Amino acid sequence: MPITKDVEKIEALFKAFFADVFSREHLQEGFAKLDKTIGINYRDPEIKFAIECRKDGARFIPNKDGEISPDVTITMDWETAHKFWMDDLDLLSALLSRTIILTGDFAALYNLRPLFKETSAIYQKLASEHLDGDGNI
């Protein structure tokens, strides 16, 4: 599936994705247990957002740019992010090859791994719903 470089489309996809993820109580609780804020930086195109995971809940923060100080920051290009959420990329391999760059608390991110299969399934469903007439996300 070809992917877009349209920032607005990507942001709309992730807003819908995290709304769906956090609407599921067990996933909300799983992210909240982390008690950290994750900054996510995509390149090509450049998109920044954060996931605030606190004991009282988790929330998506769009367009994060200096609003908060994340405990963990994940940086990757958008195509890598898409592959990760489609479950076509192993996190540990991507970290070791520096395809994904992580600064901060590695253990925090690694503790979320049990949630990735289900969140990937949600992403895959939403990605297919966001296809345009040409089959692009």
C-alpha atoms as a PDB file:
ATOM      1  CA  MET A   1       0.000   0.000   0.000  1.00  0.00           C
ATOM      2  CA  PRO A   2       1.609   3.290  -1.067  1.00  0.00           C
ATOM      3  CA  ILE A   3       1.800   5.879   1.666  1.00  0.00           C
ATOM      4  CA  THR A   4       1.165   9.587   1.520  1.00  0.00           C
ATOM      5  CA  LYS A   5       3.484  12.407   2.460  1.00  0.00           C
ATOM      6  CA  ASP A   6       0.461  14.623   3.199  1.00  0.00           C
ATOM      7  CA  VAL A   7       0.922  15.836   6.783  1.00  0.00           C
ATOM      8  CA  GLU A   8      -2.791  16.501   7.297  1.00  0.00           C
ATOM      9  CA  LYS A   9      -3.735  12.967   6.211  1.00  0.00           C
ATOM     10  CA  ILE A  10      -1.079  11.403   8.432  1.00  0.00           C
ATOM     11  CA  GLU A  11      -2.112  13.515  11.419  1.00  0.00           C
ATOM     12  CA  ALA A  12      -5.782  12.597  10.861  1.00  0.00           C
ATOM     13  CA  LEU A  13      -4.850   8.916  10.742  1.00  0.00           C
ATOM     14  CA  PHE A  14      -2.906   9.104  14.006  1.00  0.00           C
ATOM     15  CA  LYS A  15      -5.565  11.151  15.751  1.00  0.00           C
ATOM     16  CA  ALA A  16      -8.139   8.476  14.836  1.00  0.00           C
ATOM     17  CA  PHE A  17      -5.692   5.688  15.700  1.00  0.00           C
ATOM     18  CA  PHE A  18      -4.930   6.869  19.221  1.00  0.00           C
ATOM     19  CA  ALA A  19      -8.588   7.787  19.850  1.00  0.00           C
ATOM     20  CA  ASP A  20      -9.463   4.182  19.022  1.00  0.00           C
ATOM     21  CA  VAL A  21      -6.575   2.745  21.072  1.00  0.00           C
ATOM     22  CA  PHE A  22      -7.367   4.848  24.138  1.00  0.00           C
ATOM     23  CA  SER A  23     -11.109   4.141  23.893  1.00  0.00           C
ATOM     24  CA  ARG A  24     -10.315   0.533  24.826  1.00  0.00           C
ATOM     25  CA  GLU A  25     -10.034   0.365  28.589  1.00  0.00           C
ATOM     26  CA  HIS A  26      -7.383  -2.370  28.741  1.00  0.00           C
ATOM     27  CA  LEU A  27      -5.148  -0.506  26.252  1.00  0.00           C
ATOM     28  CA  GLN A  28      -5.713   2.798  28.059  1.00  0.00           C
ATOM     29  CA  GLU A  29      -4.645   1.078  31.293  1.00  0.00           C
ATOM     30  CA  GLY A  30      -1.652  -0.580  29.595  1.00  0.00           C
ATOM     31  CA  PHE A  31      -0.312   2.737  28.324  1.00  0.00           C
ATOM     32  CA  ALA A  32      -1.147   4.540  31.597  1.00  0.00           C
ATOM     33  CA  LYS A  33       0.991   2.060  33.592  1.00  0.00           C
ATOM     34  CA  LEU A  34       4.026   3.423  31.788  1.00  0.00           C
ATOM     35  CA  ASP A  35       3.718   6.742  33.655  1.00  0.00           C
ATOM     36  CA  LYS A  36       5.920   8.493  31.071  1.00  0.00           C
ATOM     37  CA  THR A  37       5.452  10.879  28.185  1.00  0.00           C
ATOM     38  CA  ILE A  38       6.587   9.617  24.799  1.00  0.00           C
ATOM     39  CA  GLY A  39       7.585  12.155  22.159  1.00  0.00           C
ATOM     40  CA  ILE A  40       7.241  10.856  18.609  1.00  0.00           C
ATOM     41  CA  ASN A  41       9.097  12.588  15.782  1.00  0.00           C
ATOM     42  CA  TYR A  42       8.566  11.483  12.195  1.00  0.00           C
ATOM     43  CA  ARG A  43      10.738  12.678   9.329  1.00  0.00           C
ATOM     44  CA  ASP A  44       9.853  12.897   5.652  1.00  0.00           C
ATOM     45  CA  PRO A  45       7.416  14.520   6.231  1.00  0.00           C
ATOM     46  CA  GLU A  46       8.159  16.091   9.584  1.00  0.00           C
ATOM     47  CA  ILE A  47       5.416  15.400  12.120  1.00  0.00           C
ATOM     48  CA  LYS A  48       5.663  15.643  15.896  1.00  0.00           C
ATOM     49  CA  PHE A  49       3.251  14.472  18.534  1.00  0.00           C
ATOM     50  CA  ALA A  50       3.311  12.980  21.994  1.00  0.00           C
ATOM     51  CA  ILE A  51       1.583  10.286  23.952  1.00  0.00           C
ATOM     52  CA  GLU A  52       1.164  11.233  27.576  1.00  0.00           C
ATOM     53  CA  CYS A  53       0.904   8.028  29.599  1.00  0.00           C
ATOM     54  CA  ARG A  54       0.118   8.864  33.210  1.00  0.00           C
ATOM     55  CA  LYS A  55      -1.432   6.836  35.996  1.00  0.00           C
ATOM     56  CA  ASP A  56      -4.736   8.668  35.543  1.00  0.00           C
ATOM     57  CA  GLY A  57      -4.863   7.793  31.822  1.00  0.00           C
ATOM     58  CA  ALA A  58      -3.222   8.185  28.449  1.00  0.00           C
ATOM     59  CA  ARG A  59      -3.814  10.830  25.807  1.00  0.00           C
ATOM     60  CA  PHE A  60      -2.625  11.836  22.363  1.00  0.00           C
ATOM     61  CA  ILE A  61      -1.115  15.311  22.044  1.00  0.00           C
ATOM     62  CA  PRO A  62      -0.971  16.445  18.377  1.00  0.00           C
ATOM     63  CA  ASN A  63       1.676  18.800  17.007  1.00  0.00           C
ATOM     64  CA  LYS A  64       4.018  18.463  19.984  1.00  0.00           C
ATOM     65  CA  ASP A  65       6.735  21.018  19.576  1.00  0.00           C
ATOM     66  CA  GLY A  66       8.197  22.186  22.843  1.00  0.00           C
ATOM     67  CA  GLU A  67       4.873  21.914  24.691  1.00  0.00           C
ATOM     68  CA  ILE A  68       6.117  19.177  26.986  1.00  0.00           C
ATOM     69  CA  SER A  69       9.347  17.466  27.916  1.00  0.00           C
ATOM     70  CA  PRO A  70       9.066  13.790  26.968  1.00  0.00           C
ATOM     71  CA  ASP A  71      10.693  11.094  29.071  1.00  0.00           C
ATOM     72  CA  VAL A  72      11.305   9.071  25.912  1.00  0.00           C
ATOM     73  CA  THR A  73      11.641  10.319  22.337  1.00  0.00           C
ATOM     74  CA  ILE A  74      11.287   8.102  19.302  1.00  0.00           C
ATOM     75  CA  THR A  75      12.551   9.381  15.953  1.00  0.00           C
ATOM     76  CA  MET A  76      12.089   7.653  12.600  1.00  0.00           C
ATOM     77  CA  ASP A  77      11.001   8.416   9.077  1.00  0.00           C
ATOM     78  CA  TRP A  78       7.313   8.145   8.266  1.00  0.00           C
ATOM     79  CA  GLU A  79       7.752   5.047   6.072  1.00  0.00           C
ATOM     80  CA  THR A  80       9.465   3.248   8.964  1.00  0.00           C
ATOM     81  CA  ALA A  81       6.652   4.292  11.298  1.00  0.00           C
ATOM     82  CA  HIS A  82       4.084   2.934   8.874  1.00  0.00           C
ATOM     83  CA  LYS A  83       5.954  -0.386   8.639  1.00  0.00           C
ATOM     84  CA  PHE A  84       6.192  -0.549  12.434  1.00  0.00           C
ATOM     85  CA  TRP A  85       2.462   0.035  12.968  1.00  0.00           C
ATOM     86  CA  MET A  86       1.636  -2.422  10.161  1.00  0.00           C
ATOM     87  CA  ASP A  87       3.643  -4.994  12.186  1.00  0.00           C
ATOM     88  CA  ASP A  88       6.174  -5.327   9.345  1.00  0.00           C
ATOM     89  CA  LEU A  89       9.152  -4.147  11.407  1.00  0.00           C
ATOM     90  CA  ASP A  90      10.712  -5.624  14.513  1.00  0.00           C
ATOM     91  CA  LEU A  91      11.291  -2.949  17.165  1.00  0.00           C
ATOM     92  CA  LEU A  92      14.518  -4.375  18.551  1.00  0.00           C
ATOM     93  CA  SER A  93      16.069  -4.848  15.090  1.00  0.00           C
ATOM     94  CA  ALA A  94      15.044  -1.316  14.096  1.00  0.00           C
ATOM     95  CA  LEU A  95      16.606   0.092  17.262  1.00  0.00           C
ATOM     96  CA  LEU A  96      19.840  -1.846  16.773  1.00  0.00           C
ATOM     97  CA  SER A  97      20.121  -0.728  13.132  1.00  0.00           C
ATOM     98  CA  ARG A  98      19.260   2.869  14.177  1.00  0.00           C
ATOM     99  CA  THR A  99      16.317   2.883  11.775  1.00  0.00           C
ATOM    100  CA  ILE A 100      14.431   3.966  14.880  1.00  0.00           C
ATOM    101  CA  ILE A 101      16.339   6.264  17.221  1.00  0.00           C
ATOM    102  CA  LEU A 102      15.355   6.258  20.852  1.00  0.00           C
ATOM    103  CA  THR A 103      16.474   8.753  23.454  1.00  0.00           C
ATOM    104  CA  GLY A 104      15.524   8.375  27.058  1.00  0.00           C
ATOM    105  CA  ASP A 105      14.159   5.393  28.931  1.00  0.00           C
ATOM    106  CA  PHE A 106      14.435   2.353  26.631  1.00  0.00           C
ATOM    107  CA  ALA A 107      12.814   0.070  29.209  1.00  0.00           C
ATOM    108  CA  ALA A 108       9.688   2.234  29.219  1.00  0.00           C
ATOM    109  CA  LEU A 109       9.111   1.739  25.504  1.00  0.00           C
ATOM    110  CA  TYR A 110      10.049  -1.914  25.672  1.00  0.00           C
ATOM    111  CA  ASN A 111       7.430  -2.440  28.403  1.00  0.00           C
ATOM    112  CA  LEU A 112       4.732  -1.461  25.882  1.00  0.00           C
ATOM    113  CA  ARG A 113       5.627  -4.356  23.544  1.00  0.00           C
ATOM    114  CA  PRO A 114       2.770  -6.596  24.762  1.00  0.00           C
ATOM    115  CA  LEU A 115       0.322  -3.973  23.454  1.00  0.00           C
ATOM    116  CA  PHE A 116       1.839  -3.686  19.971  1.00  0.00           C
ATOM    117  CA  LYS A 117       0.050  -6.661  18.332  1.00  0.00           C
ATOM    118  CA  GLU A 118      -3.365  -5.271  19.184  1.00  0.00           C
ATOM    119  CA  THR A 119      -2.450  -1.669  18.413  1.00  0.00           C
ATOM    120  CA  SER A 120      -1.008  -2.802  15.072  1.00  0.00           C
ATOM    121  CA  ALA A 121      -4.305  -4.497  14.218  1.00  0.00           C
ATOM    122  CA  ILE A 122      -6.145  -1.262  15.015  1.00  0.00           C
ATOM    123  CA  TYR A 123      -3.704   0.732  12.870  1.00  0.00           C
ATOM    124  CA  GLN A 124      -4.055  -1.700   9.959  1.00  0.00           C
ATOM    125  CA  LYS A 125      -7.847  -1.386  10.040  1.00  0.00           C
ATOM    126  CA  LEU A 126      -7.750   2.420  10.208  1.00  0.00           C
ATOM    127  CA  ALA A 127      -5.042   2.674   7.543  1.00  0.00           C
ATOM    128  CA  SER A 128      -7.234   0.709   5.140  1.00  0.00           C
ATOM    129  CA  GLU A 129     -10.174   3.020   5.946  1.00  0.00           C
ATOM    130  CA  HIS A 130      -8.007   6.081   5.169  1.00  0.00           C
ATOM    131  CA  LEU A 131      -7.122   4.911   1.656  1.00  0.00           C
ATOM    132  CA  ASP A 132      -7.884   7.394  -1.085  1.00  0.00           C
ATOM    133  CA  GLY A 133      -9.290   6.519  -4.511  1.00  0.00           C
ATOM    134  CA  ASP A 134      -5.806   5.600  -5.766  1.00  0.00           C
ATOM    135  CA  GLY A 135      -5.157   3.145  -2.898  1.00  0.00           C
ATOM    136  CA  ASN A 136      -2.811   5.516  -1.050  1.00  0.00           C
ATOM    137  CA  ILE A 137      -2.885   6.166   2.633  1.00  0.00           C
END
